[in-house]
Structure formats: structure tokens, C-alpha cells
Full PDB file with SEQRES, HELIX, SHEET, SSBOND, CRYST1, ORIGX, SCALE, CONECT and MASTER records, all heavy atoms in Angstrom:
SEQRES   1 A   38  PHE LYS VAL ASP PHE ALA VAL ILE GLY THR SER ALA ILE          
SEQRES   2 A   38  ASP LEU SER GLY ASP LEU LEU ASP PHE ASP PRO GLU GLU          
SEQRES   3 A   38  VAL ARG VAL SER GLN GLN VAL ILE LYS ALA ALA ARG              
HELIX    1 AA1 PRO A   24  LYS A   35  1                                  12    
SHEET    1 AA1 2 ALA A  12  ILE A  13  0                                        
SHEET    2 AA1 2 LEU A  19  LEU A  20 -1                                        
CRYST1    1.000    1.000    1.000  90.00  90.00  90.00 P 1           1          
ORIGX1      1.000000  0.000000  0.000000        0.00000                         
ORIGX2      0.000000  1.000000  0.000000        0.00000                         
ORIGX3      0.000000  0.000000  1.000000        0.00000                         
SCALE1      1.000000  0.000000  0.000000        0.00000                         
SCALE2      0.000000  1.000000  0.000000        0.00000                         
SCALE3      0.000000  0.000000  1.000000        0.00000                         
ATOM      1  N   PHE A   1      14.200 -29.326 -12.424  1.00  0.00           N  
ATOM      2  CA  PHE A   1      13.973 -28.280 -13.424  1.00  0.00           C  
ATOM      3  C   PHE A   1      14.902 -28.442 -14.624  1.00  0.00           C  
ATOM      4  O   PHE A   1      15.972 -29.032 -14.539  1.00  0.00           O  
ATOM      5  CB  PHE A   1      14.200 -26.899 -12.804  1.00  0.00           C  
ATOM      6  CG  PHE A   1      13.187 -26.537 -11.757  1.00  0.00           C  
ATOM      7  CD1 PHE A   1      13.409 -26.844 -10.415  1.00  0.00           C  
ATOM      8  CD2 PHE A   1      11.998 -25.913 -12.103  1.00  0.00           C  
ATOM      9  CE1 PHE A   1      12.481 -26.525  -9.449  1.00  0.00           C  
ATOM     10  CE2 PHE A   1      11.061 -25.583 -11.140  1.00  0.00           C  
ATOM     11  CZ  PHE A   1      11.299 -25.889  -9.812  1.00  0.00           C  
ATOM     12  N   LYS A   2      14.459 -27.889 -15.752  1.00  0.00           N  
ATOM     13  CA  LYS A   2      15.297 -27.673 -16.926  1.00  0.00           C  
ATOM     14  C   LYS A   2      15.008 -26.266 -17.398  1.00  0.00           C  
ATOM     15  O   LYS A   2      13.978 -25.993 -18.023  1.00  0.00           O  
ATOM     16  CB  LYS A   2      14.993 -28.686 -18.036  1.00  0.00           C  
ATOM     17  CG  LYS A   2      15.990 -28.624 -19.194  1.00  0.00           C  
ATOM     18  CD  LYS A   2      17.362 -29.147 -18.762  1.00  0.00           C  
ATOM     19  CE  LYS A   2      18.339 -29.175 -19.921  1.00  0.00           C  
ATOM     20  NZ  LYS A   2      19.657 -29.734 -19.504  1.00  0.00           N  
ATOM     21  N   VAL A   3      15.903 -25.330 -17.084  1.00  0.00           N  
ATOM     22  CA  VAL A   3      15.645 -23.912 -17.361  1.00  0.00           C  
ATOM     23  C   VAL A   3      16.402 -23.459 -18.608  1.00  0.00           C  
ATOM     24  O   VAL A   3      17.369 -24.093 -19.045  1.00  0.00           O  
ATOM     25  CB  VAL A   3      16.037 -23.029 -16.154  1.00  0.00           C  
ATOM     26  CG1 VAL A   3      15.144 -23.334 -14.958  1.00  0.00           C  
ATOM     27  CG2 VAL A   3      17.499 -23.212 -15.793  1.00  0.00           C  
ATOM     28  N   ASP A   4      15.955 -22.338 -19.172  1.00  0.00           N  
ATOM     29  CA  ASP A   4      16.612 -21.796 -20.372  1.00  0.00           C  
ATOM     30  C   ASP A   4      18.006 -21.259 -20.046  1.00  0.00           C  
ATOM     31  O   ASP A   4      18.945 -21.461 -20.819  1.00  0.00           O  
ATOM     32  CB  ASP A   4      15.757 -20.677 -20.976  1.00  0.00           C  
ATOM     33  CG  ASP A   4      14.399 -21.176 -21.443  1.00  0.00           C  
ATOM     34  OD1 ASP A   4      14.337 -22.274 -22.024  1.00  0.00           O  
ATOM     35  OD2 ASP A   4      13.395 -20.462 -21.209  1.00  0.00           O  
ATOM     36  N   PHE A   5      18.128 -20.566 -18.921  1.00  0.00           N  
ATOM     37  CA  PHE A   5      19.397 -19.922 -18.566  1.00  0.00           C  
ATOM     38  C   PHE A   5      19.726 -20.170 -17.094  1.00  0.00           C  
ATOM     39  O   PHE A   5      18.832 -20.150 -16.248  1.00  0.00           O  
ATOM     40  CB  PHE A   5      19.330 -18.402 -18.780  1.00  0.00           C  
ATOM     41  CG  PHE A   5      18.992 -17.979 -20.173  1.00  0.00           C  
ATOM     42  CD1 PHE A   5      17.683 -17.663 -20.520  1.00  0.00           C  
ATOM     43  CD2 PHE A   5      19.979 -17.890 -21.146  1.00  0.00           C  
ATOM     44  CE1 PHE A   5      17.360 -17.263 -21.807  1.00  0.00           C  
ATOM     45  CE2 PHE A   5      19.661 -17.497 -22.434  1.00  0.00           C  
ATOM     46  CZ  PHE A   5      18.357 -17.185 -22.769  1.00  0.00           C  
ATOM     47  N   ALA A   6      20.996 -20.375 -16.817  1.00  0.00           N  
ATOM     48  CA  ALA A   6      21.509 -20.295 -15.453  1.00  0.00           C  
ATOM     49  C   ALA A   6      22.413 -19.080 -15.381  1.00  0.00           C  
ATOM     50  O   ALA A   6      23.366 -18.969 -16.154  1.00  0.00           O  
ATOM     51  CB  ALA A   6      22.289 -21.550 -15.086  1.00  0.00           C  
ATOM     52  N   VAL A   7      22.099 -18.153 -14.505  1.00  0.00           N  
ATOM     53  CA  VAL A   7      22.948 -16.989 -14.282  1.00  0.00           C  
ATOM     54  C   VAL A   7      23.690 -17.234 -12.970  1.00  0.00           C  
ATOM     55  O   VAL A   7      23.083 -17.295 -11.902  1.00  0.00           O  
ATOM     56  CB  VAL A   7      22.122 -15.692 -14.200  1.00  0.00           C  
ATOM     57  CG1 VAL A   7      23.044 -14.500 -13.952  1.00  0.00           C  
ATOM     58  CG2 VAL A   7      21.318 -15.493 -15.475  1.00  0.00           C  
ATOM     59  N   ILE A   8      25.001 -17.415 -13.071  1.00  0.00           N  
ATOM     60  CA  ILE A   8      25.774 -17.781 -11.891  1.00  0.00           C  
ATOM     61  C   ILE A   8      26.908 -16.786 -11.654  1.00  0.00           C  
ATOM     62  O   ILE A   8      27.467 -16.232 -12.596  1.00  0.00           O  
ATOM     63  CB  ILE A   8      26.350 -19.207 -11.991  1.00  0.00           C  
ATOM     64  CG1 ILE A   8      27.388 -19.305 -13.124  1.00  0.00           C  
ATOM     65  CG2 ILE A   8      25.234 -20.230 -12.180  1.00  0.00           C  
ATOM     66  CD1 ILE A   8      28.197 -20.581 -13.099  1.00  0.00           C  
ATOM     67  N   GLY A   9      27.219 -16.575 -10.400  1.00  0.00           N  
ATOM     68  CA  GLY A   9      28.418 -15.846 -10.021  1.00  0.00           C  
ATOM     69  C   GLY A   9      29.449 -16.836  -9.512  1.00  0.00           C  
ATOM     70  O   GLY A   9      29.208 -18.040  -9.434  1.00  0.00           O  
ATOM     71  N   THR A  10      30.602 -16.326  -9.144  1.00  0.00           N  
ATOM     72  CA  THR A  10      31.662 -17.171  -8.591  1.00  0.00           C  
ATOM     73  C   THR A  10      32.533 -16.313  -7.688  1.00  0.00           C  
ATOM     74  O   THR A  10      32.600 -15.092  -7.854  1.00  0.00           O  
ATOM     75  CB  THR A  10      32.499 -17.812  -9.725  1.00  0.00           C  
ATOM     76  OG1 THR A  10      33.377 -18.782  -9.174  1.00  0.00           O  
ATOM     77  CG2 THR A  10      33.299 -16.769 -10.490  1.00  0.00           C  
ATOM     78  N   SER A  11      33.203 -16.952  -6.739  1.00  0.00           N  
ATOM     79  CA  SER A  11      34.048 -16.203  -5.802  1.00  0.00           C  
ATOM     80  C   SER A  11      35.412 -15.890  -6.371  1.00  0.00           C  
ATOM     81  O   SER A  11      36.040 -14.900  -5.991  1.00  0.00           O  
ATOM     82  CB  SER A  11      34.207 -16.992  -4.498  1.00  0.00           C  
ATOM     83  OG  SER A  11      32.976 -17.077  -3.824  1.00  0.00           O  
ATOM     84  N   ALA A  12      35.898 -16.744  -7.273  1.00  0.00           N  
ATOM     85  CA  ALA A  12      37.231 -16.554  -7.836  1.00  0.00           C  
ATOM     86  C   ALA A  12      37.308 -17.264  -9.176  1.00  0.00           C  
ATOM     87  O   ALA A  12      36.573 -18.228  -9.428  1.00  0.00           O  
ATOM     88  CB  ALA A  12      38.304 -17.085  -6.894  1.00  0.00           C  
ATOM     89  N   ILE A  13      38.205 -16.770 -10.053  1.00  0.00           N  
ATOM     90  CA  ILE A  13      38.449 -17.384 -11.348  1.00  0.00           C  
ATOM     91  C   ILE A  13      39.947 -17.570 -11.506  1.00  0.00           C  
ATOM     92  O   ILE A  13      40.707 -16.596 -11.482  1.00  0.00           O  
ATOM     93  CB  ILE A  13      37.901 -16.537 -12.509  1.00  0.00           C  
ATOM     94  CG1 ILE A  13      36.410 -16.230 -12.311  1.00  0.00           C  
ATOM     95  CG2 ILE A  13      38.117 -17.259 -13.851  1.00  0.00           C  
ATOM     96  CD1 ILE A  13      35.850 -15.248 -13.321  1.00  0.00           C  
ATOM     97  N   ASP A  14      40.364 -18.804 -11.664  1.00  0.00           N  
ATOM     98  CA  ASP A  14      41.774 -19.084 -11.903  1.00  0.00           C  
ATOM     99  C   ASP A  14      42.117 -18.743 -13.347  1.00  0.00           C  
ATOM    100  O   ASP A  14      41.269 -18.819 -14.239  1.00  0.00           O  
ATOM    101  CB  ASP A  14      42.053 -20.568 -11.633  1.00  0.00           C  
ATOM    102  CG  ASP A  14      43.528 -20.884 -11.595  1.00  0.00           C  
ATOM    103  OD1 ASP A  14      44.151 -20.748 -10.541  1.00  0.00           O  
ATOM    104  OD2 ASP A  14      44.051 -21.268 -12.663  1.00  0.00           O  
ATOM    105  N   LEU A  15      43.359 -18.366 -13.604  1.00  0.00           N  
ATOM    106  CA  LEU A  15      43.745 -18.003 -14.966  1.00  0.00           C  
ATOM    107  C   LEU A  15      43.731 -19.197 -15.924  1.00  0.00           C  
ATOM    108  O   LEU A  15      43.844 -19.018 -17.130  1.00  0.00           O  
ATOM    109  CB  LEU A  15      45.125 -17.337 -14.969  1.00  0.00           C  
ATOM    110  CG  LEU A  15      45.156 -15.917 -14.388  1.00  0.00           C  
ATOM    111  CD1 LEU A  15      46.566 -15.363 -14.382  1.00  0.00           C  
ATOM    112  CD2 LEU A  15      44.230 -14.990 -15.166  1.00  0.00           C  
ATOM    113  N   SER A  16      43.552 -20.400 -15.383  1.00  0.00           N  
ATOM    114  CA  SER A  16      43.343 -21.573 -16.234  1.00  0.00           C  
ATOM    115  C   SER A  16      41.898 -21.648 -16.733  1.00  0.00           C  
ATOM    116  O   SER A  16      41.580 -22.444 -17.633  1.00  0.00           O  
ATOM    117  CB  SER A  16      43.665 -22.850 -15.458  1.00  0.00           C  
ATOM    118  OG  SER A  16      42.720 -23.051 -14.406  1.00  0.00           O  
ATOM    119  N   GLY A  17      41.021 -20.826 -16.140  1.00  0.00           N  
ATOM    120  CA  GLY A  17      39.610 -20.844 -16.513  1.00  0.00           C  
ATOM    121  C   GLY A  17      38.720 -21.581 -15.541  1.00  0.00           C  
ATOM    122  O   GLY A  17      37.519 -21.709 -15.766  1.00  0.00           O  
ATOM    123  N   ASP A  18      39.266 -22.056 -14.423  1.00  0.00           N  
ATOM    124  CA  ASP A  18      38.454 -22.734 -13.414  1.00  0.00           C  
ATOM    125  C   ASP A  18      37.679 -21.713 -12.579  1.00  0.00           C  
ATOM    126  O   ASP A  18      38.232 -20.686 -12.171  1.00  0.00           O  
ATOM    127  CB  ASP A  18      39.332 -23.576 -12.485  1.00  0.00           C  
ATOM    128  CG  ASP A  18      39.869 -24.825 -13.157  1.00  0.00           C  
ATOM    129  OD1 ASP A  18      39.243 -25.287 -14.135  1.00  0.00           O  
ATOM    130  OD2 ASP A  18      40.913 -25.341 -12.715  1.00  0.00           O  
ATOM    131  N   LEU A  19      36.414 -22.016 -12.323  1.00  0.00           N  
ATOM    132  CA  LEU A  19      35.563 -21.199 -11.454  1.00  0.00           C  
ATOM    133  C   LEU A  19      35.641 -21.800 -10.052  1.00  0.00           C  
ATOM    134  O   LEU A  19      35.462 -23.012  -9.878  1.00  0.00           O  
ATOM    135  CB  LEU A  19      34.120 -21.190 -11.951  1.00  0.00           C  
ATOM    136  CG  LEU A  19      33.911 -20.943 -13.448  1.00  0.00           C  
ATOM    137  CD1 LEU A  19      32.421 -20.914 -13.769  1.00  0.00           C  
ATOM    138  CD2 LEU A  19      34.596 -19.684 -13.895  1.00  0.00           C  
ATOM    139  N   LEU A  20      35.872 -20.961  -9.037  1.00  0.00           N  
ATOM    140  CA  LEU A  20      36.179 -21.444  -7.695  1.00  0.00           C  
ATOM    141  C   LEU A  20      35.257 -20.817  -6.662  1.00  0.00           C  
ATOM    142  O   LEU A  20      34.764 -19.699  -6.837  1.00  0.00           O  
ATOM    143  CB  LEU A  20      37.634 -21.121  -7.341  1.00  0.00           C  
ATOM    144  CG  LEU A  20      38.689 -21.588  -8.348  1.00  0.00           C  
ATOM    145  CD1 LEU A  20      40.052 -21.002  -7.996  1.00  0.00           C  
ATOM    146  CD2 LEU A  20      38.759 -23.108  -8.400  1.00  0.00           C  
ATOM    147  N   ASP A  21      35.047 -21.559  -5.570  1.00  0.00           N  
ATOM    148  CA  ASP A  21      34.228 -21.033  -4.479  1.00  0.00           C  
ATOM    149  C   ASP A  21      34.754 -21.565  -3.148  1.00  0.00           C  
ATOM    150  O   ASP A  21      35.721 -22.331  -3.125  1.00  0.00           O  
ATOM    151  CB  ASP A  21      32.753 -21.400  -4.675  1.00  0.00           C  
ATOM    152  CG  ASP A  21      31.834 -20.251  -4.326  1.00  0.00           C  
ATOM    153  OD1 ASP A  21      32.009 -19.684  -3.223  1.00  0.00           O  
ATOM    154  OD2 ASP A  21      30.958 -19.907  -5.127  1.00  0.00           O  
ATOM    155  N   PHE A  22      34.103 -21.160  -2.062  1.00  0.00           N  
ATOM    156  CA  PHE A  22      34.588 -21.484  -0.727  1.00  0.00           C  
ATOM    157  C   PHE A  22      33.819 -22.610  -0.053  1.00  0.00           C  
ATOM    158  O   PHE A  22      34.381 -23.365   0.728  1.00  0.00           O  
ATOM    159  CB  PHE A  22      34.510 -20.233   0.168  1.00  0.00           C  
ATOM    160  CG  PHE A  22      35.437 -19.140  -0.259  1.00  0.00           C  
ATOM    161  CD1 PHE A  22      35.011 -18.136  -1.114  1.00  0.00           C  
ATOM    162  CD2 PHE A  22      36.751 -19.107   0.177  1.00  0.00           C  
ATOM    163  CE1 PHE A  22      35.862 -17.122  -1.512  1.00  0.00           C  
ATOM    164  CE2 PHE A  22      37.615 -18.105  -0.221  1.00  0.00           C  
ATOM    165  CZ  PHE A  22      37.167 -17.110  -1.071  1.00  0.00           C  
ATOM    166  N   ASP A  23      32.529 -22.712  -0.316  1.00  0.00           N  
ATOM    167  CA  ASP A  23      31.663 -23.632   0.425  1.00  0.00           C  
ATOM    168  C   ASP A  23      31.312 -24.836  -0.438  1.00  0.00           C  
ATOM    169  O   ASP A  23      30.591 -24.696  -1.437  1.00  0.00           O  
ATOM    170  CB  ASP A  23      30.390 -22.891   0.842  1.00  0.00           C  
ATOM    171  CG  ASP A  23      29.464 -23.732   1.700  1.00  0.00           C  
ATOM    172  OD1 ASP A  23      29.743 -24.934   1.890  1.00  0.00           O  
ATOM    173  OD2 ASP A  23      28.450 -23.193   2.183  1.00  0.00           O  
ATOM    174  N   PRO A  24      31.764 -26.042  -0.101  1.00  0.00           N  
ATOM    175  CA  PRO A  24      31.420 -27.232  -0.904  1.00  0.00           C  
ATOM    176  C   PRO A  24      29.914 -27.451  -1.029  1.00  0.00           C  
ATOM    177  O   PRO A  24      29.445 -27.973  -2.048  1.00  0.00           O  
ATOM    178  CB  PRO A  24      32.091 -28.384  -0.137  1.00  0.00           C  
ATOM    179  CG  PRO A  24      33.203 -27.742   0.620  1.00  0.00           C  
ATOM    180  CD  PRO A  24      32.696 -26.372   0.994  1.00  0.00           C  
ATOM    181  N   GLU A  25      29.164 -27.044  -0.008  1.00  0.00           N  
ATOM    182  CA  GLU A  25      27.708 -27.207  -0.065  1.00  0.00           C  
ATOM    183  C   GLU A  25      27.099 -26.294  -1.134  1.00  0.00           C  
ATOM    184  O   GLU A  25      26.146 -26.668  -1.822  1.00  0.00           O  
ATOM    185  CB  GLU A  25      27.094 -26.893   1.300  1.00  0.00           C  
ATOM    186  CG  GLU A  25      27.489 -27.859   2.394  1.00  0.00           C  
ATOM    187  CD  GLU A  25      26.956 -29.251   2.128  1.00  0.00           C  
ATOM    188  OE1 GLU A  25      25.725 -29.425   2.127  1.00  0.00           O  
ATOM    189  OE2 GLU A  25      27.771 -30.167   1.905  1.00  0.00           O  
ATOM    190  N   GLU A  26      27.645 -25.097  -1.282  1.00  0.00           N  
ATOM    191  CA  GLU A  26      27.179 -24.205  -2.343  1.00  0.00           C  
ATOM    192  C   GLU A  26      27.641 -24.693  -3.709  1.00  0.00           C  
ATOM    193  O   GLU A  26      26.896 -24.607  -4.697  1.00  0.00           O  
ATOM    194  CB  GLU A  26      27.689 -22.781  -2.105  1.00  0.00           C  
ATOM    195  CG  GLU A  26      27.248 -21.794  -3.185  1.00  0.00           C  
ATOM    196  CD  GLU A  26      27.762 -20.387  -2.960  1.00  0.00           C  
ATOM    197  OE1 GLU A  26      28.321 -20.108  -1.882  1.00  0.00           O  
ATOM    198  OE2 GLU A  26      27.597 -19.551  -3.880  1.00  0.00           O  
ATOM    199  N   VAL A  27      28.856 -25.200  -3.772  1.00  0.00           N  
ATOM    200  CA  VAL A  27      29.400 -25.692  -5.042  1.00  0.00           C  
ATOM    201  C   VAL A  27      28.540 -26.808  -5.598  1.00  0.00           C  
ATOM    202  O   VAL A  27      28.259 -26.857  -6.795  1.00  0.00           O  
ATOM    203  CB  VAL A  27      30.857 -26.152  -4.850  1.00  0.00           C  
ATOM    204  CG1 VAL A  27      31.337 -26.965  -6.051  1.00  0.00           C  
ATOM    205  CG2 VAL A  27      31.760 -24.938  -4.648  1.00  0.00           C  
ATOM    206  N   ARG A  28      28.109 -27.723  -4.738  1.00  0.00           N  
ATOM    207  CA  ARG A  28      27.243 -28.828  -5.191  1.00  0.00           C  
ATOM    208  C   ARG A  28      25.984 -28.294  -5.854  1.00  0.00           C  
ATOM    209  O   ARG A  28      25.541 -28.794  -6.896  1.00  0.00           O  
ATOM    210  CB  ARG A  28      26.895 -29.718  -4.002  1.00  0.00           C  
ATOM    211  CG  ARG A  28      25.850 -30.792  -4.291  1.00  0.00           C  
ATOM    212  CD  ARG A  28      25.901 -31.895  -3.260  1.00  0.00           C  
ATOM    213  NE  ARG A  28      24.666 -32.659  -3.176  1.00  0.00           N  
ATOM    214  CZ  ARG A  28      24.176 -33.414  -4.137  1.00  0.00           C  
ATOM    215  NH1 ARG A  28      24.800 -33.521  -5.292  1.00  0.00           N  
ATOM    216  NH2 ARG A  28      23.046 -34.087  -3.964  1.00  0.00           N  
ATOM    217  N   VAL A  29      25.402 -27.264  -5.280  1.00  0.00           N  
ATOM    218  CA  VAL A  29      24.192 -26.663  -5.852  1.00  0.00           C  
ATOM    219  C   VAL A  29      24.508 -26.003  -7.194  1.00  0.00           C  
ATOM    220  O   VAL A  29      23.786 -26.177  -8.175  1.00  0.00           O  
ATOM    221  CB  VAL A  29      23.577 -25.641  -4.867  1.00  0.00           C  
ATOM    222  CG1 VAL A  29      22.375 -24.953  -5.496  1.00  0.00           C  
ATOM    223  CG2 VAL A  29      23.181 -26.326  -3.569  1.00  0.00           C  
ATOM    224  N   SER A  30      25.599 -25.244  -7.263  1.00  0.00           N  
ATOM    225  CA  SER A  30      25.961 -24.565  -8.506  1.00  0.00           C  
ATOM    226  C   SER A  30      26.216 -25.557  -9.634  1.00  0.00           C  
ATOM    227  O   SER A  30      25.838 -25.312 -10.788  1.00  0.00           O  
ATOM    228  CB  SER A  30      27.201 -23.688  -8.283  1.00  0.00           C  
ATOM    229  OG  SER A  30      26.935 -22.652  -7.361  1.00  0.00           O  
ATOM    230  N   GLN A  31      26.853 -26.669  -9.319  1.00  0.00           N  
ATOM    231  CA  GLN A  31      27.098 -27.691 -10.337  1.00  0.00           C  
ATOM    232  C   GLN A  31      25.791 -28.279 -10.850  1.00  0.00           C  
ATOM    233  O   GLN A  31      25.641 -28.539 -12.055  1.00  0.00           O  
ATOM    234  CB  GLN A  31      28.003 -28.786  -9.767  1.00  0.00           C  
ATOM    235  CG  GLN A  31      29.439 -28.323  -9.540  1.00  0.00           C  
ATOM    236  CD  GLN A  31      30.274 -29.323  -8.766  1.00  0.00           C  
ATOM    237  OE1 GLN A  31      29.751 -30.178  -8.045  1.00  0.00           O  
ATOM    238  NE2 GLN A  31      31.588 -29.225  -8.901  1.00  0.00           N  
ATOM    239  N   GLN A  32      24.827 -28.468  -9.955  1.00  0.00           N  
ATOM    240  CA  GLN A  32      23.519 -28.976 -10.370  1.00  0.00           C  
ATOM    241  C   GLN A  32      22.794 -27.954 -11.240  1.00  0.00           C  
ATOM    242  O   GLN A  32      22.114 -28.311 -12.197  1.00  0.00           O  
ATOM    243  CB  GLN A  32      22.674 -29.310  -9.137  1.00  0.00           C  
ATOM    244  CG  GLN A  32      21.389 -30.060  -9.447  1.00  0.00           C  
ATOM    245  CD  GLN A  32      21.649 -31.402 -10.114  1.00  0.00           C  
ATOM    246  OE1 GLN A  32      22.433 -32.195  -9.621  1.00  0.00           O  
ATOM    247  NE2 GLN A  32      21.022 -31.629 -11.247  1.00  0.00           N  
ATOM    248  N   VAL A  33      22.962 -26.682 -10.916  1.00  0.00           N  
ATOM    249  CA  VAL A  33      22.335 -25.614 -11.701  1.00  0.00           C  
ATOM    250  C   VAL A  33      22.846 -25.632 -13.145  1.00  0.00           C  
ATOM    251  O   VAL A  33      22.071 -25.517 -14.097  1.00  0.00           O  
ATOM    252  CB  VAL A  33      22.623 -24.243 -11.045  1.00  0.00           C  
ATOM    253  CG1 VAL A  33      22.277 -23.108 -11.985  1.00  0.00           C  
ATOM    254  CG2 VAL A  33      21.856 -24.111  -9.743  1.00  0.00           C  
ATOM    255  N   ILE A  34      24.152 -25.763 -13.310  1.00  0.00           N  
ATOM    256  CA  ILE A  34      24.734 -25.782 -14.652  1.00  0.00           C  
ATOM    257  C   ILE A  34      24.165 -26.953 -15.463  1.00  0.00           C  
ATOM    258  O   ILE A  34      23.844 -26.812 -16.652  1.00  0.00           O  
ATOM    259  CB  ILE A  34      26.270 -25.847 -14.558  1.00  0.00           C  
ATOM    260  CG1 ILE A  34      26.811 -24.541 -13.969  1.00  0.00           C  
ATOM    261  CG2 ILE A  34      26.901 -26.104 -15.925  1.00  0.00           C  
ATOM    262  CD1 ILE A  34      28.285 -24.576 -13.619  1.00  0.00           C  
ATOM    263  N   LYS A  35      24.010 -28.105 -14.813  1.00  0.00           N  
ATOM    264  CA  LYS A  35      23.432 -29.272 -15.505  1.00  0.00           C  
ATOM    265  C   LYS A  35      21.979 -29.036 -15.893  1.00  0.00           C  
ATOM    266  O   LYS A  35      21.510 -29.575 -16.904  1.00  0.00           O  
ATOM    267  CB  LYS A  35      23.515 -30.500 -14.594  1.00  0.00           C  
ATOM    268  CG  LYS A  35      24.913 -31.021 -14.349  1.00  0.00           C  
ATOM    269  CD  LYS A  35      24.869 -32.224 -13.409  1.00  0.00           C  
ATOM    270  CE  LYS A  35      26.261 -32.731 -13.083  1.00  0.00           C  
ATOM    271  NZ  LYS A  35      26.209 -33.863 -12.108  1.00  0.00           N  
ATOM    272  N   ALA A  36      21.282 -28.236 -15.085  1.00  0.00           N  
ATOM    273  CA  ALA A  36      19.840 -28.043 -15.296  1.00  0.00           C  
ATOM    274  C   ALA A  36      19.519 -26.931 -16.279  1.00  0.00           C  
ATOM    275  O   ALA A  36      18.347 -26.631 -16.514  1.00  0.00           O  
ATOM    276  CB  ALA A  36      19.167 -27.749 -13.950  1.00  0.00           C  
ATOM    277  N   ALA A  37      20.529 -26.289 -16.864  1.00  0.00           N  
ATOM    278  CA  ALA A  37      20.305 -25.138 -17.754  1.00  0.00           C  
ATOM    279  C   ALA A  37      20.693 -25.460 -19.184  1.00  0.00           C  
ATOM    280  O   ALA A  37      21.670 -26.178 -19.438  1.00  0.00           O  
ATOM    281  CB  ALA A  37      21.106 -23.939 -17.257  1.00  0.00           C  
ATOM    282  N   ARG A  38      19.949 -24.883 -20.113  1.00  0.00           N  
ATOM    283  CA  ARG A  38      20.302 -25.018 -21.530  1.00  0.00           C  
ATOM    284  C   ARG A  38      21.503 -24.144 -21.876  1.00  0.00           C  
ATOM    285  O   ARG A  38      22.265 -24.462 -22.781  1.00  0.00           O  
ATOM    286  CB  ARG A  38      19.104 -24.656 -22.393  1.00  0.00           C  
ATOM    287  CG  ARG A  38      17.929 -25.626 -22.221  1.00  0.00           C  
ATOM    288  CD  ARG A  38      16.748 -25.287 -23.113  1.00  0.00           C  
ATOM    289  NE  ARG A  38      15.703 -26.287 -22.969  1.00  0.00           N  
ATOM    290  CZ  ARG A  38      14.716 -26.218 -22.075  1.00  0.00           C  
ATOM    291  NH1 ARG A  38      14.649 -25.167 -21.252  1.00  0.00           N  
ATOM    292  NH2 ARG A  38      13.818 -27.165 -21.991  1.00  0.00           N  
TER     293      ARG A  38                                                      
MASTER        0    0    0    1    2    0    0    6  292    1    0    3          
END                                                                             
């Protein structure tokens, strides 16, 4: 897919601006989502 928007949540945000999560399997999907969105 190539979608107009990706609406994503996150489990934690570091004060450096990094978005963090717990499950590497979910993270892989979220990273693919960001690539697939305008």
C-alpha cells in the first residue's frame, strides 16, 4: 500500500524525540507503516 496518512500511537516517547515500544514484531510493522504513508 501507499496511503495518504498513517495514524500511529506509541508506548513511550524519549525526551530526545525517539518513539519507543515493547514488541519488536509490532515495531517492524509500525516502521513499514511509516514508509507506506505520505
